[in-house]
Structure formats: structure tokens, C-alpha cells
PDB file of N, CA and C in Angstrom:
ATOM      1  N   UNK A   1     264.261 122.954  64.522  1.00  0.00           N
ATOM      2  CA  UNK A   1     265.210 121.890  64.265  1.00  0.00           C
ATOM      3  C   UNK A   1     266.499 122.148  65.086  1.00  0.00           C
ATOM      4  N   UNK A   2     266.952 123.379  65.203  1.00  0.00           N
ATOM      5  CA  UNK A   2     268.161 123.642  65.958  1.00  0.00           C
ATOM      6  C   UNK A   2     267.946 123.251  67.392  1.00  0.00           C
ATOM      7  N   UNK A   3     266.742 123.490  67.907  1.00  0.00           N
ATOM      8  CA  UNK A   3     266.422 123.158  69.302  1.00  0.00           C
ATOM      9  C   UNK A   3     266.652 121.657  69.549  1.00  0.00           C
ATOM     10  N   UNK A   4     266.200 120.784  68.596  1.00  0.00           N
ATOM     11  CA  UNK A   4     266.387 119.386  68.696  1.00  0.00           C
ATOM     12  C   UNK A   4     267.856 119.018  68.775  1.00  0.00           C
ATOM     13  N   UNK A   5     268.608 119.618  67.857  1.00  0.00           N
ATOM     14  CA  UNK A   5     270.053 119.329  67.800  1.00  0.00           C
ATOM     15  C   UNK A   5     270.776 119.744  69.109  1.00  0.00           C
ATOM     16  N   UNK A   6     270.389 120.904  69.677  1.00  0.00           N
ATOM     17  CA  UNK A   6     271.025 121.306  70.931  1.00  0.00           C
ATOM     18  C   UNK A   6     270.594 120.366  72.064  1.00  0.00           C
ATOM     19  N   UNK A   7     269.315 120.062  72.205  1.00  0.00           N
ATOM     20  CA  UNK A   7     268.865 119.146  73.278  1.00  0.00           C
ATOM     21  C   UNK A   7     269.477 117.715  73.139  1.00  0.00           C
ATOM     22  N   UNK A   8     269.697 117.261  71.959  1.00  0.00           N
ATOM     23  CA  UNK A   8     270.270 115.924  71.699  1.00  0.00           C
ATOM     24  C   UNK A   8     271.708 115.876  71.980  1.00  0.00           C
ATOM     25  N   UNK A   9     272.373 117.090  71.965  1.00  0.00           N
ATOM     26  CA  UNK A   9     273.776 117.161  72.175  1.00  0.00           C
ATOM     27  C   UNK A   9     274.524 117.042  70.852  1.00  0.00           C
ATOM     28  N   UNK A  10     273.855 117.170  69.646  1.00  0.00           N
ATOM     29  CA  UNK A  10     274.614 117.060  68.414  1.00  0.00           C
ATOM     30  C   UNK A  10     275.307 118.370  68.111  1.00  0.00           C
ATOM     31  N   UNK A  11     274.846 119.501  68.682  1.00  0.00           N
ATOM     32  CA  UNK A  11     275.485 120.755  68.617  1.00  0.00           C
ATOM     33  C   UNK A  11     275.837 121.152  70.039  1.00  0.00           C
ATOM     34  N   UNK A  12     277.044 121.419  70.294  1.00  0.00           N
ATOM     35  CA  UNK A  12     277.476 121.721  71.636  1.00  0.00           C
ATOM     36  C   UNK A  12     277.971 123.194  71.699  1.00  0.00           C
ATOM     37  N   UNK A  13     277.416 123.880  72.654  1.00  0.00           N
ATOM     38  CA  UNK A  13     277.726 125.354  72.751  1.00  0.00           C
ATOM     39  C   UNK A  13     278.563 125.567  74.038  1.00  0.00           C
ATOM     40  N   UNK A  14     278.693 124.616  74.930  1.00  0.00           N
ATOM     41  CA  UNK A  14     279.545 124.751  76.128  1.00  0.00           C
ATOM     42  C   UNK A  14     280.236 123.468  76.415  1.00  0.00           C
ATOM     43  N   UNK A  15     281.175 123.467  77.329  1.00  0.00           N
ATOM     44  CA  UNK A  15     282.006 122.290  77.610  1.00  0.00           C
ATOM     45  C   UNK A  15     281.377 121.304  78.651  1.00  0.00           C
ATOM     46  N   UNK A  16     280.371 121.719  79.371  1.00  0.00           N
ATOM     47  CA  UNK A  16     279.755 120.911  80.375  1.00  0.00           C
ATOM     48  C   UNK A  16     278.995 119.737  79.773  1.00  0.00           C
ATOM     49  N   UNK A  17     278.926 118.621  80.486  1.00  0.00           N
ATOM     50  CA  UNK A  17     278.260 117.458  80.034  1.00  0.00           C
ATOM     51  C   UNK A  17     276.826 117.403  80.567  1.00  0.00           C
ATOM     52  N   UNK A  18     275.916 117.130  79.677  1.00  0.00           N
ATOM     53  CA  UNK A  18     274.473 117.080  80.204  1.00  0.00           C
ATOM     54  C   UNK A  18     273.987 115.693  79.633  1.00  0.00           C
ATOM     55  N   UNK A  19     273.655 114.819  80.526  1.00  0.00           N
ATOM     56  CA  UNK A  19     273.235 113.460  80.148  1.00  0.00           C
ATOM     57  C   UNK A  19     271.758 113.320  79.809  1.00  0.00           C
ATOM     58  N   UNK A  20     271.005 114.369  79.688  1.00  0.00           N
ATOM     59  CA  UNK A  20     269.564 114.343  79.490  1.00  0.00           C
ATOM     60  C   UNK A  20     269.161 114.563  78.051  1.00  0.00           C
ATOM     61  N   UNK A  21     269.863 113.944  77.095  1.00  0.00           N
ATOM     62  CA  UNK A  21     269.496 114.041  75.693  1.00  0.00           C
ATOM     63  C   UNK A  21     268.144 113.431  75.380  1.00  0.00           C
ATOM     64  N   UNK A  22     267.903 112.276  75.968  1.00  0.00           N
ATOM     65  CA  UNK A  22     266.660 111.595  75.783  1.00  0.00           C
ATOM     66  C   UNK A  22     266.317 111.171  74.376  1.00  0.00           C
ATOM     67  N   UNK A  23     265.202 111.396  73.941  1.00  0.00           N
ATOM     68  CA  UNK A  23     264.736 110.993  72.548  1.00  0.00           C
ATOM     69  C   UNK A  23     265.055 112.058  71.478  1.00  0.00           C
ATOM     70  N   UNK A  24     265.655 113.119  71.838  1.00  0.00           N
ATOM     71  CA  UNK A  24     265.888 114.173  70.809  1.00  0.00           C
ATOM     72  C   UNK A  24     266.892 113.690  69.764  1.00  0.00           C
ATOM     73  N   UNK A  25     267.838 112.878  70.068  1.00  0.00           N
ATOM     74  CA  UNK A  25     268.714 112.334  69.026  1.00  0.00           C
ATOM     75  C   UNK A  25     268.036 111.482  67.976  1.00  0.00           C
ATOM     76  N   UNK A  26     267.009 110.671  68.514  1.00  0.00           N
ATOM     77  CA  UNK A  26     266.135 109.899  67.569  1.00  0.00           C
ATOM     78  C   UNK A  26     265.271 110.777  66.697  1.00  0.00           C
ATOM     79  N   UNK A  27     264.781 111.856  67.284  1.00  0.00           N
ATOM     80  CA  UNK A  27     263.989 112.835  66.465  1.00  0.00           C
ATOM     81  C   UNK A  27     264.837 113.497  65.435  1.00  0.00           C
ATOM     82  N   UNK A  28     266.072 113.835  65.710  1.00  0.00           N
ATOM     83  CA  UNK A  28     266.966 114.454  64.685  1.00  0.00           C
ATOM     84  C   UNK A  28     267.302 113.457  63.600  1.00  0.00           C
ATOM     85  N   UNK A  29     267.590 112.209  64.032  1.00  0.00           N
ATOM     86  CA  UNK A  29     267.821 111.136  63.025  1.00  0.00           C
ATOM     87  C   UNK A  29     266.648 110.885  62.185  1.00  0.00           C
ATOM     88  N   UNK A  30     265.426 110.880  62.685  1.00  0.00           N
ATOM     89  CA  UNK A  30     264.254 110.695  61.967  1.00  0.00           C
ATOM     90  C   UNK A  30     263.985 111.871  61.048  1.00  0.00           C
ATOM     91  N   UNK A  31     264.362 112.997  61.399  1.00  0.00           N
ATOM     92  CA  UNK A  31     264.182 114.175  60.541  1.00  0.00           C
ATOM     93  C   UNK A  31     264.993 114.026  59.274  1.00  0.00           C
ATOM     94  N   UNK A  32     266.313 113.666  59.442  1.00  0.00           N
ATOM     95  CA  UNK A  32     267.214 113.444  58.335  1.00  0.00           C
ATOM     96  C   UNK A  32     266.709 112.318  57.476  1.00  0.00           C
ATOM     97  N   UNK A  33     266.329 111.281  58.087  1.00  0.00           N
ATOM     98  CA  UNK A  33     265.808 110.137  57.310  1.00  0.00           C
ATOM     99  C   UNK A  33     264.614 110.492  56.507  1.00  0.00           C
ATOM    100  N   UNK A  34     263.710 111.265  57.024  1.00  0.00           N
ATOM    101  CA  UNK A  34     262.503 111.685  56.330  1.00  0.00           C
ATOM    102  C   UNK A  34     262.773 112.693  55.211  1.00  0.00           C
ATOM    103  N   UNK A  35     263.960 113.365  55.230  1.00  0.00           N
ATOM    104  CA  UNK A  35     264.196 114.317  54.147  1.00  0.00           C
ATOM    105  C   UNK A  35     264.256 113.696  52.771  1.00  0.00           C
ATOM    106  N   UNK A  36     264.842 112.487  52.788  1.00  0.00           N
ATOM    107  CA  UNK A  36     265.072 111.796  51.533  1.00  0.00           C
ATOM    108  C   UNK A  36     264.935 110.332  51.757  1.00  0.00           C
ATOM    109  N   UNK A  37     263.754 109.883  51.863  1.00  0.00           N
ATOM    110  CA  UNK A  37     263.454 108.495  52.283  1.00  0.00           C
ATOM    111  C   UNK A  37     264.071 107.469  51.315  1.00  0.00           C
ATOM    112  N   UNK A  38     263.919 107.740  50.011  1.00  0.00           N
ATOM    113  CA  UNK A  38     264.374 106.798  48.979  1.00  0.00           C
ATOM    114  C   UNK A  38     265.951 106.558  49.044  1.00  0.00           C
ATOM    115  N   UNK A  39     266.756 107.621  49.258  1.00  0.00           N
ATOM    116  CA  UNK A  39     268.151 107.451  49.347  1.00  0.00           C
ATOM    117  C   UNK A  39     268.504 106.769  50.776  1.00  0.00           C
ATOM    118  N   UNK A  40     267.746 107.090  51.747  1.00  0.00           N
ATOM    119  CA  UNK A  40     267.993 106.510  53.032  1.00  0.00           C
ATOM    120  C   UNK A  40     267.764 105.003  52.997  1.00  0.00           C
ATOM    121  N   UNK A  41     266.678 104.635  52.389  1.00  0.00           N
ATOM    122  CA  UNK A  41     266.391 103.170  52.371  1.00  0.00           C
ATOM    123  C   UNK A  41     267.402 102.473  51.492  1.00  0.00           C
ATOM    124  N   UNK A  42     267.809 103.102  50.381  1.00  0.00           N
ATOM    125  CA  UNK A  42     268.872 102.556  49.495  1.00  0.00           C
ATOM    126  C   UNK A  42     270.109 102.310  50.267  1.00  0.00           C
ATOM    127  N   UNK A  43     270.496 103.299  51.131  1.00  0.00           N
ATOM    128  CA  UNK A  43     271.794 103.117  51.901  1.00  0.00           C
ATOM    129  C   UNK A  43     271.562 101.982  52.925  1.00  0.00           C
ATOM    130  N   UNK A  44     270.452 101.827  53.577  1.00  0.00           N
ATOM    131  CA  UNK A  44     270.211 100.748  54.444  1.00  0.00           C
ATOM    132  C   UNK A  44     270.266  99.438  53.758  1.00  0.00           C
ATOM    133  N   UNK A  45     269.702  99.346  52.563  1.00  0.00           N
ATOM    134  CA  UNK A  45     269.752  98.114  51.772  1.00  0.00           C
ATOM    135  C   UNK A  45     271.220  97.802  51.297  1.00  0.00           C
ATOM    136  N   UNK A  46     272.014  98.884  51.080  1.00  0.00           N
ATOM    137  CA  UNK A  46     273.486  98.582  50.774  1.00  0.00           C
ATOM    138  C   UNK A  46     274.138  97.998  51.876  1.00  0.00           C
ATOM    139  N   UNK A  47     273.870  98.502  53.121  1.00  0.00           N
ATOM    140  CA  UNK A  47     274.490  97.893  54.308  1.00  0.00           C
ATOM    141  C   UNK A  47     274.042  96.502  54.490  1.00  0.00           C
ATOM    142  N   UNK A  48     272.687  96.234  54.312  1.00  0.00           N
ATOM    143  CA  UNK A  48     272.266  94.830  54.405  1.00  0.00           C
ATOM    144  C   UNK A  48     272.866  93.937  53.353  1.00  0.00           C
ATOM    145  N   UNK A  49     273.035  94.455  52.173  1.00  0.00           N
ATOM    146  CA  UNK A  49     273.634  93.640  51.197  1.00  0.00           C
ATOM    147  C   UNK A  49     275.091  93.283  51.510  1.00  0.00           C
ATOM    148  N   UNK A  50     275.813  94.291  52.038  1.00  0.00           N
ATOM    149  CA  UNK A  50     277.219  94.100  52.381  1.00  0.00           C
ATOM    150  C   UNK A  50     277.426  93.156  53.581  1.00  0.00           C
ATOM    151  N   UNK A  51     276.529  93.293  54.508  1.00  0.00           N
ATOM    152  CA  UNK A  51     276.708  92.471  55.773  1.00  0.00           C
ATOM    153  C   UNK A  51     276.066  91.102  55.606  1.00  0.00           C
ATOM    154  N   UNK A  52     274.780  91.038  55.161  1.00  0.00           N
ATOM    155  CA  UNK A  52     274.053  89.804  55.128  1.00  0.00           C
ATOM    156  C   UNK A  52     273.985  89.134  53.726  1.00  0.00           C
ATOM    157  N   UNK A  53     274.326  89.846  52.698  1.00  0.00           N
ATOM    158  CA  UNK A  53     274.279  89.281  51.377  1.00  0.00           C
ATOM    159  C   UNK A  53     272.878  89.261  50.774  1.00  0.00           C
ATOM    160  N   UNK A  54     272.009  90.093  51.303  1.00  0.00           N
ATOM    161  CA  UNK A  54     270.591  90.079  50.754  1.00  0.00           C
ATOM    162  C   UNK A  54     270.528  90.913  49.448  1.00  0.00           C
ATOM    163  N   UNK A  55     269.576  90.619  48.595  1.00  0.00           N
ATOM    164  CA  UNK A  55     269.406  91.385  47.388  1.00  0.00           C
ATOM    165  C   UNK A  55     268.617  92.671  47.591  1.00  0.00           C
ATOM    166  N   UNK A  56     268.758  93.581  46.783  1.00  0.00           N
ATOM    167  CA  UNK A  56     268.004  94.876  46.905  1.00  0.00           C
ATOM    168  C   UNK A  56     266.582  94.627  46.527  1.00  0.00           C
ATOM    169  N   UNK A  57     265.701  95.496  47.004  1.00  0.00           N
ATOM    170  CA  UNK A  57     264.308  95.364  46.691  1.00  0.00           C
ATOM    171  C   UNK A  57     264.038  95.881  45.239  1.00  0.00           C
ATOM    172  N   UNK A  58     262.852  95.535  44.756  1.00  0.00           N
ATOM    173  CA  UNK A  58     262.548  95.990  43.348  1.00  0.00           C
ATOM    174  C   UNK A  58     262.553  97.545  43.221  1.00  0.00           C
ATOM    175  N   UNK A  59     262.155  98.211  44.307  1.00  0.00           N
ATOM    176  CA  UNK A  59     262.142  99.691  44.190  1.00  0.00           C
ATOM    177  C   UNK A  59     263.591 100.167  44.150  1.00  0.00           C
ATOM    178  N   UNK A  60     264.475  99.630  44.975  1.00  0.00           N
ATOM    179  CA  UNK A  60     265.892 100.102  44.823  1.00  0.00           C
ATOM    180  C   UNK A  60     266.520  99.770  43.609  1.00  0.00           C
ATOM    181  N   UNK A  61     266.230  98.566  42.990  1.00  0.00           N
ATOM    182  CA  UNK A  61     266.774  98.196  41.731  1.00  0.00           C
ATOM    183  C   UNK A  61     266.325  99.097  40.628  1.00  0.00           C
ATOM    184  N   UNK A  62     265.046  99.426  40.565  1.00  0.00           N
ATOM    185  CA  UNK A  62     264.493 100.337  39.550  1.00  0.00           C
ATOM    186  C   UNK A  62     265.124 101.797  39.719  1.00  0.00           C
ATOM    187  N   UNK A  63     265.430 102.150  40.921  1.00  0.00           N
ATOM    188  CA  UNK A  63     266.016 103.419  41.192  1.00  0.00           C
ATOM    189  C   UNK A  63     267.405 103.472  40.735  1.00  0.00           C
ATOM    190  N   UNK A  64     268.148 102.326  40.791  1.00  0.00           N
ATOM    191  CA  UNK A  64     269.521 102.252  40.338  1.00  0.00           C
ATOM    192  C   UNK A  64     269.555 102.388  38.846  1.00  0.00           C
ATOM    193  N   UNK A  65     268.588 101.770  38.115  1.00  0.00           N
ATOM    194  CA  UNK A  65     268.484 101.805  36.704  1.00  0.00           C
ATOM    195  C   UNK A  65     268.225 103.230  36.178  1.00  0.00           C
ATOM    196  N   UNK A  66     267.407 103.935  36.859  1.00  0.00           N
ATOM    197  CA  UNK A  66     267.087 105.362  36.445  1.00  0.00           C
ATOM    198  C   UNK A  66     268.233 106.262  36.646  1.00  0.00           C
ATOM    199  N   UNK A  67     269.101 106.012  37.645  1.00  0.00           N
ATOM    200  CA  UNK A  67     270.249 106.788  37.860  1.00  0.00           C
ATOM    201  C   UNK A  67     271.321 106.616  36.813  1.00  0.00           C
ATOM    202  N   UNK A  68     271.350 105.459  36.116  1.00  0.00           N
ATOM    203  CA  UNK A  68     272.378 105.250  35.153  1.00  0.00           C
ATOM    204  C   UNK A  68     272.014 105.800  33.786  1.00  0.00           C
ATOM    205  N   UNK A  69     270.755 106.113  33.529  1.00  0.00           N
ATOM    206  CA  UNK A  69     270.320 106.673  32.239  1.00  0.00           C
ATOM    207  C   UNK A  69     270.731 108.021  32.055  1.00  0.00           C
TER     208      UNK A  69
END
């Protein structure tokens, strides 16, 4: 995982610029998204609700109810 962060430029060990990050940034983002898919989708739905006014899915609503108990 550290290799992906270094290649994507998310962790910098020197001051020189290297423009060849490629798809490594997407891989690192996908790794973090996959760690906790439920919370990630919930946050994406929160953004959608704030921007577009859409309602949350049934799964997200049931997850909100279980957090309150």
C-alpha cells in the first residue's frame, strides 16, 4: 500500500516533481473506499442529498436508524 501512495504522489519524500502518477491515485482511493463501503456510500449519498436534493437509499436509511439506537 505504501508503494501505491508513493507512486501516486500522495506521500512525498523529495521536492522534485514527477508527473507520472498514472492510475495509482485511483487505486489508493479505491483501497480506502473498499475499507468501509457502507460509510463511503453513505457519505456519497449525503453529498448527493446536499447538492441534488435526492433521498437516501433504503440501506442508508436503515443504517441511520441502527446508529441512533
